Amino acid sequence: MEQRFQHLHIRLVVMCFLQFFSWGAWLITLGRYLLNTLNFSGSDVGSAFATAGIASIIMPPLLGFVVDRWVNAEHVLSGAMFLSGLGLIAIGLVPNGTPFWVFLLLILWVNLFYMPTLSLTNSIAYSTLKHNGEDVVKAFPPIRVWGTIGFIIAMWLINLLGFMDSPKQFFIAGGAGIALALYALTLPASKPEGKNSSKKSVLSLLGLDAFVLFKQRKMALFFIFSMLLGCTLQLTNMFGSPFLDSFKHIPEYANSFAVKNSNILLSISQISETLFILLIPFFLHRFGIKWVIFASFMAWVLRFGLFAVGNPAFPGIIALILSMIVYGMAFDFFNISGSIFVENEAPTTMRAGAQGVFVFMTNGLGTIIGSRGGGYIVDFFNVESNASHWPYVWYTFAAYALVVGLLFVLLFNNKKQPAQTKQSL
């Protein structure tokens, strides 16, 4: 029996590894690629990242409904990763001088099919683990951590191969996506659990039936704060690499490790994720979802604040490294713990849809607001002409995270719902 569990875990590990390897090969360097290679503007960077939010609004709830009702999750995952991979390869073929709207349509295509995989892989893993009688809270984090490892390896590979400003990063990412598309067809079957349900509301027909969870005050507050925290998730992905790259214009920093190997330095963030993912079961059991999410907010305050005071020289580099370390808590204590919370709270017939709503609020609305708002803040402080203004940007982001975090701890109450209420949704 134990050997069987290990075999299933390895299969899920490969799924997570390939999924996040494909993402890590381009996400962190996209901002600098747009600025340095394709010569687009800072506002264009914000628009490009906002497509992930648009995609997350449209696709995860829709595909979540399809998975809940009609099609095995692993088959939907295969199709989504294949189409995403093709889009990444197409982006790599975009020459300098191409109108921005062409690139925008391509990155929208990629995100339309990649973003729903964030909830699809969770659903596949949860379904497989539960089918085999395992505790999701204990079993899932050690599996999911391999996604982060894949992300790290991809970042290092792109950095060491000198592809941070090269279209070759998209060919590597696209290849990994297509590899997962083929591999997904071999995964254990995750069959629709709600296919026999006769309830066909308008929301159901639109693939949005899981939004009925907003009827619960607790779930409504959780999803609203998911959106508000989601505003912060892409800010350092958007501007972290351009921020570090800006130090090359200052002679004393130009040849520093942080400037020459910004991807490797930024990858410490993902390395810290591997630790904090493994700590999630302990913190969830010990403190509960409310205080784990609050810890995530406070970690975002530190993430941005340490960026504000850091620089590539000693002792400023210490602040940058500490910012990378706290990122693991900032990102995973929200993303992974929030996903587990939704899995435990949603009725069985709409769990995949509920995961889609979580991605909708976080990577959808949150990303759109955060990307556009972050772009406006960067433009307001005019960092393109005066790099010394970057600290004002990071302090603004830190203040936002602090205010929203305090509101969350005051308003959110994680009392258990009666079993019959949960099932009556």
Protein backbone atom coordinates (compact mmCIF):
# COMPACT_ATOMS: atom_id res chain seq x y z
CA MET A 1 0.00 0.00 0.00
CA GLU A 2 2.78 2.43 0.91
CA GLN A 3 4.55 1.70 -2.38
CA ARG A 4 1.34 2.46 -4.26
CA PHE A 5 1.01 5.82 -2.49
CA GLN A 6 4.62 6.68 -3.37
CA HIS A 7 3.97 5.86 -7.03
CA LEU A 8 0.89 8.11 -7.11
CA HIS A 9 2.80 10.90 -5.38
CA ILE A 10 5.58 10.72 -7.97
CA ARG A 11 3.06 10.98 -10.79
CA LEU A 12 1.55 14.09 -9.21
CA VAL A 13 5.03 15.50 -8.55
CA VAL A 14 5.90 15.30 -12.25
CA MET A 15 2.65 17.08 -13.10
CA CYS A 16 3.41 19.97 -10.73
CA PHE A 17 7.05 20.15 -11.82
CA LEU A 18 6.30 20.51 -15.54
CA GLN A 19 3.45 22.94 -14.95
CA PHE A 20 5.53 25.41 -12.96
CA PHE A 21 8.72 24.86 -14.98
CA SER A 22 6.82 26.15 -18.01
CA TRP A 23 5.68 29.23 -16.05
CA GLY A 24 9.02 29.93 -14.38
CA ALA A 25 10.86 29.99 -17.70
CA TRP A 26 9.23 33.30 -18.70
CA LEU A 27 7.08 34.89 -15.97
CA ILE A 28 9.84 36.62 -13.96
CA THR A 29 11.73 37.85 -17.04
CA LEU A 30 8.72 38.95 -19.08
CA GLY A 31 8.88 42.53 -17.79
CA ARG A 32 12.53 43.07 -18.71
CA TYR A 33 12.04 41.23 -22.05
CA LEU A 34 9.28 43.66 -22.98
CA LEU A 35 11.34 46.68 -21.91
CA ASN A 36 14.80 45.66 -23.11
CA THR A 37 14.19 43.46 -26.14
CA LEU A 38 10.86 44.52 -27.65
CA ASN A 39 11.23 48.15 -26.47
CA PHE A 40 7.71 48.42 -25.06
CA SER A 41 6.80 50.85 -22.25
CA GLY A 42 6.20 50.33 -18.55
CA SER A 43 2.45 50.70 -19.01
CA ASP A 44 2.66 47.99 -21.68
CA VAL A 45 4.20 45.70 -19.04
CA GLY A 46 1.19 46.33 -16.81
CA SER A 47 -1.20 45.57 -19.67
CA ALA A 48 0.63 42.34 -20.49
CA PHE A 49 0.40 41.10 -16.90
CA ALA A 50 -3.23 42.18 -16.69
CA THR A 51 -4.07 39.60 -19.38
CA ALA A 52 -3.49 36.93 -16.73
CA GLY A 53 -6.26 38.53 -14.73
CA ILE A 54 -8.60 38.70 -17.72
CA ALA A 55 -7.89 35.05 -18.47
CA SER A 56 -8.50 34.09 -14.85
CA ILE A 57 -11.90 35.76 -14.89
CA ILE A 58 -13.02 33.92 -18.02
CA MET A 59 -11.49 30.47 -17.97
CA PRO A 60 -11.05 28.88 -14.49
CA PRO A 61 -14.74 29.04 -13.48
CA LEU A 62 -15.80 27.87 -16.94
CA LEU A 63 -13.38 24.95 -17.13
CA GLY A 64 -14.06 24.18 -13.46
CA PHE A 65 -17.74 23.72 -14.34
CA VAL A 66 -16.80 21.51 -17.31
CA VAL A 67 -14.63 19.35 -15.03
CA ASP A 68 -17.35 19.17 -12.35
CA ARG A 69 -20.02 18.07 -14.86
CA TRP A 70 -18.68 16.50 -18.04
CA VAL A 71 -14.97 15.93 -18.73
CA ASN A 72 -12.16 14.35 -16.70
CA ALA A 73 -9.87 17.00 -15.23
CA GLU A 74 -6.69 15.42 -16.64
CA HIS A 75 -8.09 15.63 -20.20
CA VAL A 76 -8.95 19.31 -19.79
CA LEU A 77 -5.48 19.93 -18.32
CA SER A 78 -3.89 18.26 -21.35
CA GLY A 79 -5.75 20.44 -23.84
CA ALA A 80 -5.11 23.64 -21.89
CA MET A 81 -1.35 23.06 -21.57
CA PHE A 82 -1.03 22.13 -25.24
CA LEU A 83 -2.69 25.36 -26.40
CA SER A 84 -0.71 27.41 -23.87
CA GLY A 85 2.53 25.84 -25.09
CA LEU A 86 1.74 26.69 -28.71
CA GLY A 87 1.08 30.29 -27.69
CA LEU A 88 4.45 30.56 -25.92
CA ILE A 89 6.27 29.30 -28.98
CA ALA A 90 4.41 31.89 -31.08
CA ILE A 91 5.52 34.66 -28.68
CA GLY A 92 9.13 33.59 -29.18
CA LEU A 93 8.67 34.20 -32.91
CA VAL A 94 7.50 37.81 -32.45
CA PRO A 95 10.19 40.11 -33.93
CA ASN A 96 11.23 43.49 -32.58
CA GLY A 97 9.06 46.24 -34.05
CA THR A 98 5.85 44.22 -33.91
CA PRO A 99 2.85 46.32 -32.77
CA PHE A 100 2.09 45.83 -29.10
CA TRP A 101 -1.47 44.66 -29.76
CA VAL A 102 -0.11 41.58 -31.56
CA PHE A 103 1.99 40.63 -28.55
CA LEU A 104 -0.93 41.42 -26.24
CA LEU A 105 -3.21 39.00 -28.09
CA LEU A 106 -0.58 36.27 -27.92
CA ILE A 107 0.09 36.67 -24.19
CA LEU A 108 -3.68 36.74 -23.62
CA TRP A 109 -3.92 33.42 -25.53
CA VAL A 110 -1.20 31.90 -23.35
CA ASN A 111 -2.87 33.03 -20.14
CA LEU A 112 -6.35 31.99 -21.26
CA PHE A 113 -5.16 28.40 -21.31
CA TYR A 114 -2.45 28.46 -18.63
CA MET A 115 -4.25 30.21 -15.76
CA PRO A 116 -7.03 27.60 -15.37
CA THR A 117 -4.37 24.92 -14.92
CA LEU A 118 -3.57 26.43 -11.51
CA SER A 119 -6.91 25.16 -10.23
CA LEU A 120 -7.05 22.10 -12.49
CA THR A 121 -3.85 20.58 -11.11
CA ASN A 122 -5.08 21.23 -7.56
CA SER A 123 -8.34 19.46 -8.36
CA ILE A 124 -6.52 16.49 -9.91
CA ALA A 125 -4.19 16.17 -6.93
CA TYR A 126 -7.01 16.50 -4.38
CA SER A 127 -9.18 13.99 -6.23
CA THR A 128 -6.36 11.45 -6.52
CA LEU A 129 -5.29 11.78 -2.90
CA LYS A 130 -8.83 11.59 -1.51
CA HIS A 131 -9.68 8.62 -3.73
CA ASN A 132 -6.77 6.80 -2.10
CA GLY A 133 -7.81 7.75 1.43
CA GLU A 134 -5.05 10.29 2.11
CA ASP A 135 -5.16 13.50 4.16
CA VAL A 136 -4.94 16.36 1.66
CA VAL A 137 -3.56 18.83 4.22
CA LYS A 138 -0.61 16.52 4.96
CA ALA A 139 -0.07 14.91 1.56
CA PHE A 140 -0.52 17.80 -0.88
CA PRO A 141 2.13 20.37 0.23
CA PRO A 142 5.11 17.95 -0.21
CA ILE A 143 3.80 17.25 -3.73
CA ARG A 144 3.09 20.86 -4.61
CA VAL A 145 6.56 21.92 -3.48
CA TRP A 146 7.96 20.23 -6.60
CA GLY A 147 6.09 22.77 -8.68
CA THR A 148 8.11 25.48 -6.96
CA ILE A 149 11.31 23.50 -7.53
CA GLY A 150 10.44 23.33 -11.23
CA PHE A 151 9.89 27.10 -11.25
CA ILE A 152 13.30 27.64 -9.61
CA ILE A 153 15.15 25.35 -12.01
CA ALA A 154 13.56 27.12 -14.97
CA MET A 155 14.63 30.54 -13.63
CA TRP A 156 18.20 29.38 -13.10
CA LEU A 157 18.34 27.76 -16.51
CA ILE A 158 17.13 30.91 -18.28
CA ASN A 159 19.62 33.04 -16.28
CA LEU A 160 22.66 30.79 -16.74
CA LEU A 161 21.98 30.26 -20.45
CA GLY A 162 21.76 34.04 -20.93
CA PHE A 163 18.16 33.88 -22.17
CA MET A 164 16.63 36.56 -19.88
CA ASP A 165 16.40 38.98 -22.82
CA SER A 166 16.07 36.26 -25.48
CA PRO A 167 13.00 34.74 -27.20
CA LYS A 168 14.52 31.32 -26.51
CA GLN A 169 12.98 31.42 -23.02
CA PHE A 170 9.54 31.09 -24.63
CA PHE A 171 10.58 28.10 -26.73
CA ILE A 172 11.75 26.30 -23.57
CA ALA A 173 8.55 27.24 -21.74
CA GLY A 174 6.37 26.14 -24.64
CA GLY A 175 8.18 22.82 -24.92
CA ALA A 176 7.61 22.11 -21.23
CA GLY A 177 3.93 22.98 -21.60
CA ILE A 178 3.46 20.57 -24.50
CA ALA A 179 5.34 17.87 -22.55
CA LEU A 180 2.85 18.25 -19.69
CA ALA A 181 -0.03 18.13 -22.16
CA LEU A 182 1.12 14.67 -23.27
CA TYR A 183 1.95 13.52 -19.74
CA ALA A 184 -1.45 14.60 -18.38
CA LEU A 185 -3.12 11.92 -20.51
CA THR A 186 -1.39 9.27 -18.37
CA LEU A 187 -2.57 10.66 -15.01
CA PRO A 188 -5.14 8.85 -12.81
CA ALA A 189 -8.70 9.57 -13.88
CA SER A 190 -10.35 12.52 -12.12
CA LYS A 191 -13.96 12.00 -13.11
CA PRO A 192 -16.74 14.62 -12.86
CA GLU A 193 -18.42 14.41 -9.45
CA GLY A 194 -21.42 16.57 -10.23
CA LYS A 195 -22.46 15.09 -13.58
CA ASN A 196 -25.66 13.58 -12.15
CA SER A 197 -26.83 16.83 -10.62
CA SER A 198 -30.11 18.01 -12.09
CA LYS A 199 -29.71 21.60 -10.94
CA LYS A 200 -29.22 23.78 -14.03
CA SER A 201 -29.34 27.43 -13.04
CA VAL A 202 -28.26 30.28 -15.31
CA LEU A 203 -24.99 30.43 -13.39
CA SER A 204 -24.50 26.70 -14.01
CA LEU A 205 -25.02 27.12 -17.74
CA LEU A 206 -22.40 29.88 -17.73
CA GLY A 207 -19.98 27.76 -15.72
CA LEU A 208 -20.31 30.06 -12.73
CA ASP A 209 -22.45 27.98 -10.38
CA ALA A 210 -19.77 27.93 -7.67
CA PHE A 211 -20.37 31.67 -7.15
CA VAL A 212 -23.34 30.57 -5.03
CA LEU A 213 -20.72 30.25 -2.28
CA PHE A 214 -20.94 34.03 -1.92
CA LYS A 215 -24.20 33.44 -0.07
CA GLN A 216 -22.08 32.49 2.95
CA ARG A 217 -20.67 35.56 4.71
CA LYS A 218 -17.46 33.74 5.57
CA MET A 219 -16.86 32.60 1.99
CA ALA A 220 -17.84 35.99 0.58
CA LEU A 221 -15.32 37.74 2.84
CA PHE A 222 -12.66 35.17 2.04
CA PHE A 223 -13.09 35.64 -1.72
CA ILE A 224 -13.16 39.44 -1.43
CA PHE A 225 -9.92 39.49 0.55
CA SER A 226 -8.50 36.95 -1.90
CA MET A 227 -9.04 39.57 -4.58
CA LEU A 228 -7.48 42.31 -2.44
CA LEU A 229 -4.45 40.20 -1.63
CA GLY A 230 -4.32 39.04 -5.24
CA CYS A 231 -3.53 42.64 -6.17
CA THR A 232 -0.06 42.15 -4.66
CA LEU A 233 0.83 38.77 -6.15
CA GLN A 234 2.27 39.90 -9.48
CA LEU A 235 3.85 43.22 -8.43
CA THR A 236 7.35 41.89 -7.77
CA ASN A 237 7.04 39.51 -10.73
CA MET A 238 6.30 42.54 -12.91
CA PHE A 239 8.81 44.98 -11.54
CA GLY A 240 11.35 42.98 -9.51
CA SER A 241 13.65 42.24 -12.44
CA PRO A 242 13.42 45.77 -13.96
CA PHE A 243 14.07 47.19 -10.47
CA LEU A 244 17.26 45.17 -10.04
CA ASP A 245 18.27 45.85 -13.64
CA SER A 246 17.96 49.61 -13.01
CA PHE A 247 21.00 49.48 -10.72
CA LYS A 248 23.23 48.83 -13.77
CA HIS A 249 23.11 52.56 -14.46
CA ILE A 250 24.83 53.27 -11.12
CA PRO A 251 28.60 52.61 -11.51
CA GLU A 252 29.13 51.15 -8.03
CA TYR A 253 26.41 48.54 -8.64
CA ALA A 254 26.80 47.89 -12.38
CA ASN A 255 28.89 44.71 -12.05
CA SER A 256 27.26 43.37 -8.89
CA PHE A 257 25.84 39.86 -8.60
CA ALA A 258 22.31 41.22 -8.16
CA VAL A 259 22.49 43.04 -11.50
CA LYS A 260 24.30 40.34 -13.49
CA ASN A 261 22.27 37.46 -12.04
CA SER A 262 18.96 39.02 -11.08
CA ASN A 263 17.02 35.86 -11.88
CA ILE A 264 19.17 33.78 -9.53
CA LEU A 265 18.73 36.35 -6.76
CA LEU A 266 14.98 36.48 -7.35
CA SER A 267 14.85 32.68 -7.32
CA ILE A 268 15.62 32.77 -3.58
CA SER A 269 11.94 33.75 -3.33
CA GLN A 270 10.91 30.44 -4.84
CA ILE A 271 13.51 28.53 -2.81
CA SER A 272 11.92 29.94 0.34
CA GLU A 273 8.58 28.69 -0.96
CA THR A 274 9.82 25.10 -0.71
CA LEU A 275 10.29 25.60 3.04
CA PHE A 276 7.07 27.45 3.73
CA ILE A 277 4.95 25.02 1.69
CA LEU A 278 6.15 22.22 3.95
CA LEU A 279 5.30 24.32 7.02
CA ILE A 280 1.70 24.91 5.94
CA PRO A 281 0.20 21.77 7.60
CA PHE A 282 1.74 22.73 10.96
CA PHE A 283 0.58 26.35 10.81
CA LEU A 284 -2.92 25.47 9.59
CA HIS A 285 -3.44 22.94 12.38
CA ARG A 286 -1.84 25.18 14.99
CA PHE A 287 -3.28 28.61 14.11
CA GLY A 288 -6.07 28.13 11.54
CA ILE A 289 -6.71 29.77 8.18
CA LYS A 290 -7.40 33.27 9.56
CA TRP A 291 -3.98 33.76 11.14
CA VAL A 292 -2.14 31.98 8.33
CA ILE A 293 -3.65 34.40 5.80
CA PHE A 294 -2.90 37.36 8.10
CA ALA A 295 0.72 36.18 8.29
CA SER A 296 0.74 36.26 4.48
CA PHE A 297 -0.37 39.90 4.47
CA MET A 298 2.33 40.88 6.95
CA ALA A 299 4.93 39.01 4.90
CA TRP A 300 3.90 41.10 1.88
CA VAL A 301 4.48 44.23 3.95
CA LEU A 302 8.02 43.02 4.65
CA ARG A 303 8.52 41.88 1.04
CA PHE A 304 7.87 45.36 -0.33
CA GLY A 305 9.45 47.27 2.56
CA LEU A 306 12.73 45.37 2.29
CA PHE A 307 12.80 46.01 -1.47
CA ALA A 308 12.49 49.72 -0.65
CA VAL A 309 15.58 49.80 1.58
CA GLY A 310 17.68 47.27 -0.36
CA ASN A 311 20.42 47.65 -2.96
CA PRO A 312 23.04 45.35 -4.58
CA ALA A 313 25.88 46.35 -2.21
CA PHE A 314 26.48 45.31 1.41
CA PRO A 315 24.53 45.81 3.67
CA GLY A 316 21.68 46.65 1.27
CA ILE A 317 21.92 43.21 -0.31
CA ILE A 318 20.91 41.71 3.05
CA ALA A 319 17.57 43.50 2.83
CA LEU A 320 17.04 42.15 -0.70
CA ILE A 321 17.85 38.60 0.41
CA LEU A 322 15.50 38.88 3.39
CA SER A 323 12.79 40.12 1.05
CA MET A 324 13.27 37.00 -1.08
CA ILE A 325 13.05 34.78 2.02
CA VAL A 326 9.78 36.24 3.33
CA TYR A 327 8.23 35.81 -0.13
CA GLY A 328 7.70 32.12 0.60
CA MET A 329 5.38 32.97 3.47
CA ALA A 330 3.76 35.84 1.56
CA PHE A 331 2.87 33.73 -1.46
CA ASP A 332 2.30 30.19 -0.19
CA PHE A 333 0.56 30.95 3.09
CA PHE A 334 -2.11 32.54 0.95
CA ASN A 335 -2.17 30.55 -2.30
CA ILE A 336 -1.78 27.00 -0.98
CA SER A 337 -3.60 27.48 2.33
CA GLY A 338 -6.41 29.34 0.58
CA SER A 339 -6.81 26.55 -1.95
CA ILE A 340 -7.00 23.94 0.83
CA PHE A 341 -9.54 26.09 2.70
CA VAL A 342 -11.75 26.31 -0.40
CA GLU A 343 -11.45 22.55 -0.96
CA ASN A 344 -12.62 21.84 2.58
CA GLU A 345 -15.47 24.37 2.56
CA ALA A 346 -17.02 23.77 -0.89
CA PRO A 347 -19.66 21.07 -1.50
CA THR A 348 -18.29 18.02 -3.32
CA THR A 349 -20.33 18.71 -6.48
CA MET A 350 -18.67 22.08 -7.08
CA ARG A 351 -15.15 21.75 -5.73
CA ALA A 352 -13.43 22.22 -9.08
CA GLY A 353 -15.71 25.20 -9.74
CA ALA A 354 -14.92 26.64 -6.31
CA GLN A 355 -11.20 26.37 -7.07
CA GLY A 356 -11.96 28.23 -10.28
CA VAL A 357 -13.70 31.00 -8.34
CA PHE A 358 -10.66 31.25 -6.05
CA VAL A 359 -8.39 31.70 -9.07
CA PHE A 360 -10.99 34.09 -10.59
CA MET A 361 -10.84 36.38 -7.56
CA THR A 362 -7.10 36.07 -6.91
CA ASN A 363 -5.40 35.73 -10.27
CA GLY A 364 -8.34 37.33 -12.10
CA LEU A 365 -9.78 40.48 -10.56
CA GLY A 366 -6.85 40.84 -8.17
CA THR A 367 -4.25 40.62 -10.94
CA ILE A 368 -6.08 43.08 -13.19
CA ILE A 369 -6.45 45.67 -10.43
CA GLY A 370 -2.93 45.08 -9.12
CA SER A 371 -1.26 45.12 -12.55
CA ARG A 372 -2.98 48.24 -13.77
CA GLY A 373 -2.75 49.97 -10.41
CA GLY A 374 0.89 49.00 -10.00
CA GLY A 375 1.65 50.33 -13.46
CA TYR A 376 0.04 53.67 -12.61
CA ILE A 377 2.05 53.91 -9.40
CA VAL A 378 5.31 53.18 -11.23
CA ASP A 379 4.43 55.84 -13.81
CA PHE A 380 3.42 58.29 -11.07
CA PHE A 381 6.86 58.06 -9.46
CA ASN A 382 8.53 58.22 -12.89
CA VAL A 383 11.09 55.49 -12.20
CA GLU A 384 12.02 55.16 -15.89
CA SER A 385 13.74 58.54 -15.83
CA ASN A 386 14.77 58.47 -12.16
CA ALA A 387 15.55 55.03 -10.73
CA SER A 388 16.09 56.54 -7.26
CA HIS A 389 12.29 56.78 -6.98
CA TRP A 390 11.83 52.98 -6.79
CA PRO A 391 11.66 53.02 -2.93
CA TYR A 392 8.53 55.20 -3.11
CA VAL A 393 6.90 52.52 -5.27
CA TRP A 394 7.71 49.73 -2.82
CA TYR A 395 6.63 51.76 0.24
CA THR A 396 3.27 52.43 -1.42
CA PHE A 397 2.75 48.71 -2.04
CA ALA A 398 3.78 47.92 1.57
CA ALA A 399 1.27 50.43 2.99
CA TYR A 400 -1.51 48.86 0.90
CA ALA A 401 -0.72 45.34 2.16
CA LEU A 402 -0.64 46.56 5.78
CA VAL A 403 -4.05 48.25 5.62
CA VAL A 404 -5.78 45.34 3.87
CA GLY A 405 -4.18 42.82 6.25
CA LEU A 406 -5.46 44.67 9.31
CA LEU A 407 -8.96 44.84 7.81
CA PHE A 408 -8.86 41.10 7.15
CA VAL A 409 -8.00 40.15 10.71
CA LEU A 410 -10.76 42.44 12.02
CA LEU A 411 -13.54 41.24 9.69
CA PHE A 412 -12.89 37.58 8.90
CA ASN A 413 -14.20 34.96 11.34
CA ASN A 414 -13.57 31.31 10.50
CA LYS A 415 -16.38 29.69 12.46
CA LYS A 416 -17.43 26.24 11.31
CA GLN A 417 -20.61 26.10 9.24
CA PRO A 418 -23.24 23.48 10.15
CA ALA A 419 -22.93 20.45 7.88
CA GLN A 420 -26.48 20.81 6.56
CA THR A 421 -25.85 24.42 5.54
CA LYS A 422 -22.85 23.46 3.49
CA GLN A 423 -24.70 20.70 1.69
CA SER A 424 -27.75 22.88 1.00
CA LEU A 425 -25.89 25.22 -1.28
